[in-house]
């Protein structure tokens, strides 16, 4: 079986019912799946950049 990578870039994933349903259904029905969420990464990066620019 091939591996599946899902990249989620929804900016408000916690409040998006449809996107949560899609990701849950994929996770429940595909055994070899990896879900990466981009938005938490970019939010962390922005915070790090803001902190470093204040120095």
PDB file of N, CA and C in Angstrom:
ATOM      1  N   UNK A   1       0.844  -1.184   0.000  1.00  0.00           N
ATOM      2  CA  UNK A   1       0.000   0.000   0.000  1.00  0.00           C
ATOM      3  C   UNK A   1       0.888   1.246   0.000  1.00  0.00           C
ATOM      4  N   UNK A   2       0.467   2.272  -0.685  1.00  0.00           N
ATOM      5  CA  UNK A   2       1.247   3.501  -0.742  1.00  0.00           C
ATOM      6  C   UNK A   2       0.953   4.384   0.462  1.00  0.00           C
ATOM      7  N   UNK A   3       1.884   5.261   0.771  1.00  0.00           N
ATOM      8  CA  UNK A   3       1.717   6.184   1.882  1.00  0.00           C
ATOM      9  C   UNK A   3       0.955   7.412   1.402  1.00  0.00           C
ATOM     10  N   UNK A   4       0.207   8.029   2.314  1.00  0.00           N
ATOM     11  CA  UNK A   4      -0.593   9.206   1.981  1.00  0.00           C
ATOM     12  C   UNK A   4      -0.176  10.345   2.894  1.00  0.00           C
ATOM     13  N   UNK A   5       0.112  11.493   2.297  1.00  0.00           N
ATOM     14  CA  UNK A   5       0.425  12.696   3.047  1.00  0.00           C
ATOM     15  C   UNK A   5      -0.655  13.726   2.753  1.00  0.00           C
ATOM     16  N   UNK A   6      -1.284  14.241   3.810  1.00  0.00           N
ATOM     17  CA  UNK A   6      -2.289  15.288   3.669  1.00  0.00           C
ATOM     18  C   UNK A   6      -1.716  16.545   4.300  1.00  0.00           C
ATOM     19  N   UNK A   7      -1.693  17.630   3.546  1.00  0.00           N
ATOM     20  CA  UNK A   7      -1.204  18.899   4.054  1.00  0.00           C
ATOM     21  C   UNK A   7      -2.404  19.816   4.231  1.00  0.00           C
ATOM     22  N   UNK A   8      -2.656  20.184   5.480  1.00  0.00           N
ATOM     23  CA  UNK A   8      -3.789  21.034   5.796  1.00  0.00           C
ATOM     24  C   UNK A   8      -3.294  22.454   6.052  1.00  0.00           C
ATOM     25  N   UNK A   9      -3.845  23.395   5.320  1.00  0.00           N
ATOM     26  CA  UNK A   9      -3.432  24.784   5.473  1.00  0.00           C
ATOM     27  C   UNK A   9      -4.557  25.700   5.881  1.00  0.00           C
ATOM     28  N   UNK A  10      -5.623  25.136   6.418  1.00  0.00           N
ATOM     29  CA  UNK A  10      -6.771  25.953   6.806  1.00  0.00           C
ATOM     30  C   UNK A  10      -6.392  26.857   7.977  1.00  0.00           C
ATOM     31  N   UNK A  11      -6.629  28.164   7.879  1.00  0.00           N
ATOM     32  CA  UNK A  11      -6.200  29.083   8.936  1.00  0.00           C
ATOM     33  C   UNK A  11      -7.002  28.973  10.232  1.00  0.00           C
ATOM     34  N   UNK A  12      -8.214  28.445  10.166  1.00  0.00           N
ATOM     35  CA  UNK A  12      -9.066  28.318  11.360  1.00  0.00           C
ATOM     36  C   UNK A  12      -9.596  26.893  11.458  1.00  0.00           C
ATOM     37  N   UNK A  13      -8.692  25.950  11.516  1.00  0.00           N
ATOM     38  CA  UNK A  13      -9.089  24.540  11.479  1.00  0.00           C
ATOM     39  C   UNK A  13      -9.986  24.158  12.654  1.00  0.00           C
ATOM     40  N   UNK A  14      -9.739  24.736  13.817  1.00  0.00           N
ATOM     41  CA  UNK A  14     -10.565  24.396  14.987  1.00  0.00           C
ATOM     42  C   UNK A  14     -12.028  24.780  14.813  1.00  0.00           C
ATOM     43  N   UNK A  15     -12.289  25.810  14.027  1.00  0.00           N
ATOM     44  CA  UNK A  15     -13.676  26.254  13.844  1.00  0.00           C
ATOM     45  C   UNK A  15     -14.263  25.806  12.508  1.00  0.00           C
ATOM     46  N   UNK A  16     -13.550  24.982  11.772  1.00  0.00           N
ATOM     47  CA  UNK A  16     -14.034  24.514  10.472  1.00  0.00           C
ATOM     48  C   UNK A  16     -14.556  23.082  10.588  1.00  0.00           C
ATOM     49  N   UNK A  17     -15.856  22.965  10.691  1.00  0.00           N
ATOM     50  CA  UNK A  17     -16.491  21.648  10.834  1.00  0.00           C
ATOM     51  C   UNK A  17     -16.150  20.736   9.646  1.00  0.00           C
ATOM     52  N   UNK A  18     -16.286  21.257   8.443  1.00  0.00           N
ATOM     53  CA  UNK A  18     -16.082  20.449   7.243  1.00  0.00           C
ATOM     54  C   UNK A  18     -14.659  19.919   7.152  1.00  0.00           C
ATOM     55  N   UNK A  19     -13.683  20.769   7.401  1.00  0.00           N
ATOM     56  CA  UNK A  19     -12.294  20.319   7.337  1.00  0.00           C
ATOM     57  C   UNK A  19     -11.986  19.288   8.418  1.00  0.00           C
ATOM     58  N   UNK A  20     -12.547  19.462   9.606  1.00  0.00           N
ATOM     59  CA  UNK A  20     -12.345  18.465  10.662  1.00  0.00           C
ATOM     60  C   UNK A  20     -12.937  17.123  10.251  1.00  0.00           C
ATOM     61  N   UNK A  21     -14.129  17.148   9.654  1.00  0.00           N
ATOM     62  CA  UNK A  21     -14.770  15.904   9.209  1.00  0.00           C
ATOM     63  C   UNK A  21     -13.917  15.220   8.145  1.00  0.00           C
ATOM     64  N   UNK A  22     -13.431  15.980   7.193  1.00  0.00           N
ATOM     65  CA  UNK A  22     -12.603  15.409   6.119  1.00  0.00           C
ATOM     66  C   UNK A  22     -11.345  14.764   6.698  1.00  0.00           C
ATOM     67  N   UNK A  23     -10.626  15.486   7.555  1.00  0.00           N
ATOM     68  CA  UNK A  23      -9.389  14.939   8.123  1.00  0.00           C
ATOM     69  C   UNK A  23      -9.673  13.715   8.987  1.00  0.00           C
ATOM     70  N   UNK A  24     -10.767  13.741   9.765  1.00  0.00           N
ATOM     71  CA  UNK A  24     -11.124  12.581  10.579  1.00  0.00           C
ATOM     72  C   UNK A  24     -11.484  11.380   9.722  1.00  0.00           C
ATOM     73  N   UNK A  25     -12.252  11.592   8.669  1.00  0.00           N
ATOM     74  CA  UNK A  25     -12.639  10.497   7.779  1.00  0.00           C
ATOM     75  C   UNK A  25     -11.416   9.891   7.090  1.00  0.00           C
ATOM     76  N   UNK A  26     -10.512  10.734   6.651  1.00  0.00           N
ATOM     77  CA  UNK A  26      -9.287  10.225   6.034  1.00  0.00           C
ATOM     78  C   UNK A  26      -8.493   9.392   7.030  1.00  0.00           C
ATOM     79  N   UNK A  27      -8.348   9.914   8.252  1.00  0.00           N
ATOM     80  CA  UNK A  27      -7.611   9.187   9.285  1.00  0.00           C
ATOM     81  C   UNK A  27      -8.255   7.869   9.663  1.00  0.00           C
ATOM     82  N   UNK A  28      -9.577   7.838   9.658  1.00  0.00           N
ATOM     83  CA  UNK A  28     -10.302   6.620  10.025  1.00  0.00           C
ATOM     84  C   UNK A  28     -10.281   5.570   8.916  1.00  0.00           C
ATOM     85  N   UNK A  29     -10.156   6.006   7.657  1.00  0.00           N
ATOM     86  CA  UNK A  29     -10.314   5.073   6.536  1.00  0.00           C
ATOM     87  C   UNK A  29      -9.036   4.749   5.778  1.00  0.00           C
ATOM     88  N   UNK A  30      -7.963   5.436   6.079  1.00  0.00           N
ATOM     89  CA  UNK A  30      -6.686   5.157   5.417  1.00  0.00           C
ATOM     90  C   UNK A  30      -5.677   4.813   6.507  1.00  0.00           C
ATOM     91  N   UNK A  31      -5.115   3.621   6.413  1.00  0.00           N
ATOM     92  CA  UNK A  31      -4.259   3.143   7.500  1.00  0.00           C
ATOM     93  C   UNK A  31      -2.888   3.819   7.527  1.00  0.00           C
ATOM     94  N   UNK A  32      -2.342   4.163   6.383  1.00  0.00           N
ATOM     95  CA  UNK A  32      -0.989   4.721   6.336  1.00  0.00           C
ATOM     96  C   UNK A  32      -1.062   6.179   5.891  1.00  0.00           C
ATOM     97  N   UNK A  33      -1.471   7.050   6.807  1.00  0.00           N
ATOM     98  CA  UNK A  33      -1.680   8.455   6.470  1.00  0.00           C
ATOM     99  C   UNK A  33      -0.948   9.340   7.471  1.00  0.00           C
ATOM    100  N   UNK A  34      -0.421  10.444   6.969  1.00  0.00           N
ATOM    101  CA  UNK A  34       0.206  11.445   7.822  1.00  0.00           C
ATOM    102  C   UNK A  34      -0.437  12.784   7.495  1.00  0.00           C
ATOM    103  N   UNK A  35      -0.889  13.481   8.518  1.00  0.00           N
ATOM    104  CA  UNK A  35      -1.522  14.786   8.334  1.00  0.00           C
ATOM    105  C   UNK A  35      -0.584  15.848   8.905  1.00  0.00           C
ATOM    106  N   UNK A  36      -0.233  16.806   8.064  1.00  0.00           N
ATOM    107  CA  UNK A  36       0.600  17.926   8.517  1.00  0.00           C
ATOM    108  C   UNK A  36      -0.218  19.201   8.440  1.00  0.00           C
ATOM    109  N   UNK A  37      -0.202  19.916   9.529  1.00  0.00           N
ATOM    110  CA  UNK A  37      -0.940  21.184   9.591  1.00  0.00           C
ATOM    111  C   UNK A  37       0.051  22.325   9.465  1.00  0.00           C
ATOM    112  N   UNK A  38      -0.105  23.124   8.423  1.00  0.00           N
ATOM    113  CA  UNK A  38       0.843  24.200   8.157  1.00  0.00           C
ATOM    114  C   UNK A  38       0.628  25.423   9.029  1.00  0.00           C
ATOM    115  N   UNK A  39      -0.592  25.744   9.355  1.00  0.00           N
ATOM    116  CA  UNK A  39      -0.885  26.987  10.054  1.00  0.00           C
ATOM    117  C   UNK A  39      -0.212  27.063  11.427  1.00  0.00           C
ATOM    118  N   UNK A  40      -0.261  26.028  12.275  1.00  0.00           N
ATOM    119  CA  UNK A  40       0.460  26.153  13.550  1.00  0.00           C
ATOM    120  C   UNK A  40       1.950  26.420  13.341  1.00  0.00           C
ATOM    121  N   UNK A  41       2.525  25.860  12.287  1.00  0.00           N
ATOM    122  CA  UNK A  41       3.941  26.094  11.997  1.00  0.00           C
ATOM    123  C   UNK A  41       4.174  27.558  11.633  1.00  0.00           C
ATOM    124  N   UNK A  42       3.322  28.115  10.788  1.00  0.00           N
ATOM    125  CA  UNK A  42       3.531  29.500  10.374  1.00  0.00           C
ATOM    126  C   UNK A  42       3.248  30.465  11.513  1.00  0.00           C
ATOM    127  N   UNK A  43       2.297  30.152  12.379  1.00  0.00           N
ATOM    128  CA  UNK A  43       2.022  31.010  13.526  1.00  0.00           C
ATOM    129  C   UNK A  43       3.209  31.016  14.485  1.00  0.00           C
ATOM    130  N   UNK A  44       3.808  29.862  14.701  1.00  0.00           N
ATOM    131  CA  UNK A  44       4.982  29.775  15.565  1.00  0.00           C
ATOM    132  C   UNK A  44       6.141  30.547  14.951  1.00  0.00           C
ATOM    133  N   UNK A  45       6.314  30.408  13.649  1.00  0.00           N
ATOM    134  CA  UNK A  45       7.384  31.118  12.963  1.00  0.00           C
ATOM    135  C   UNK A  45       7.196  32.623  13.070  1.00  0.00           C
ATOM    136  N   UNK A  46       5.966  33.106  12.896  1.00  0.00           N
ATOM    137  CA  UNK A  46       5.697  34.540  13.029  1.00  0.00           C
ATOM    138  C   UNK A  46       6.025  35.032  14.429  1.00  0.00           C
ATOM    139  N   UNK A  47       5.645  34.258  15.434  1.00  0.00           N
ATOM    140  CA  UNK A  47       5.914  34.635  16.812  1.00  0.00           C
ATOM    141  C   UNK A  47       7.419  34.705  17.058  1.00  0.00           C
ATOM    142  N   UNK A  48       8.146  33.728  16.548  1.00  0.00           N
ATOM    143  CA  UNK A  48       9.600  33.722  16.710  1.00  0.00           C
ATOM    144  C   UNK A  48      10.233  34.925  16.023  1.00  0.00           C
ATOM    145  N   UNK A  49       9.732  35.279  14.833  1.00  0.00           N
ATOM    146  CA  UNK A  49      10.271  36.428  14.113  1.00  0.00           C
ATOM    147  C   UNK A  49       9.988  37.722  14.851  1.00  0.00           C
ATOM    148  N   UNK A  50       8.789  37.852  15.406  1.00  0.00           N
ATOM    149  CA  UNK A  50       8.446  39.056  16.166  1.00  0.00           C
ATOM    150  C   UNK A  50       9.358  39.201  17.374  1.00  0.00           C
ATOM    151  N   UNK A  51       9.590  38.092  18.070  1.00  0.00           N
ATOM    152  CA  UNK A  51      10.441  38.139  19.261  1.00  0.00           C
ATOM    153  C   UNK A  51      11.869  38.504  18.904  1.00  0.00           C
ATOM    154  N   UNK A  52      12.385  37.924  17.821  1.00  0.00           N
ATOM    155  CA  UNK A  52      13.776  38.188  17.454  1.00  0.00           C
ATOM    156  C   UNK A  52      13.969  39.603  16.926  1.00  0.00           C
ATOM    157  N   UNK A  53      12.932  40.197  16.324  1.00  0.00           N
ATOM    158  CA  UNK A  53      13.070  41.558  15.808  1.00  0.00           C
ATOM    159  C   UNK A  53      13.027  42.611  16.921  1.00  0.00           C
ATOM    160  N   UNK A  54      12.533  42.233  18.103  1.00  0.00           N
ATOM    161  CA  UNK A  54      12.485  43.148  19.230  1.00  0.00           C
ATOM    162  C   UNK A  54      13.836  43.265  19.943  1.00  0.00           C
ATOM    163  N   UNK A  55      14.732  42.385  19.649  1.00  0.00           N
ATOM    164  CA  UNK A  55      16.046  42.385  20.326  1.00  0.00           C
ATOM    165  C   UNK A  55      16.984  43.386  19.736  1.00  0.00           C
TER     166      UNK A  55
END
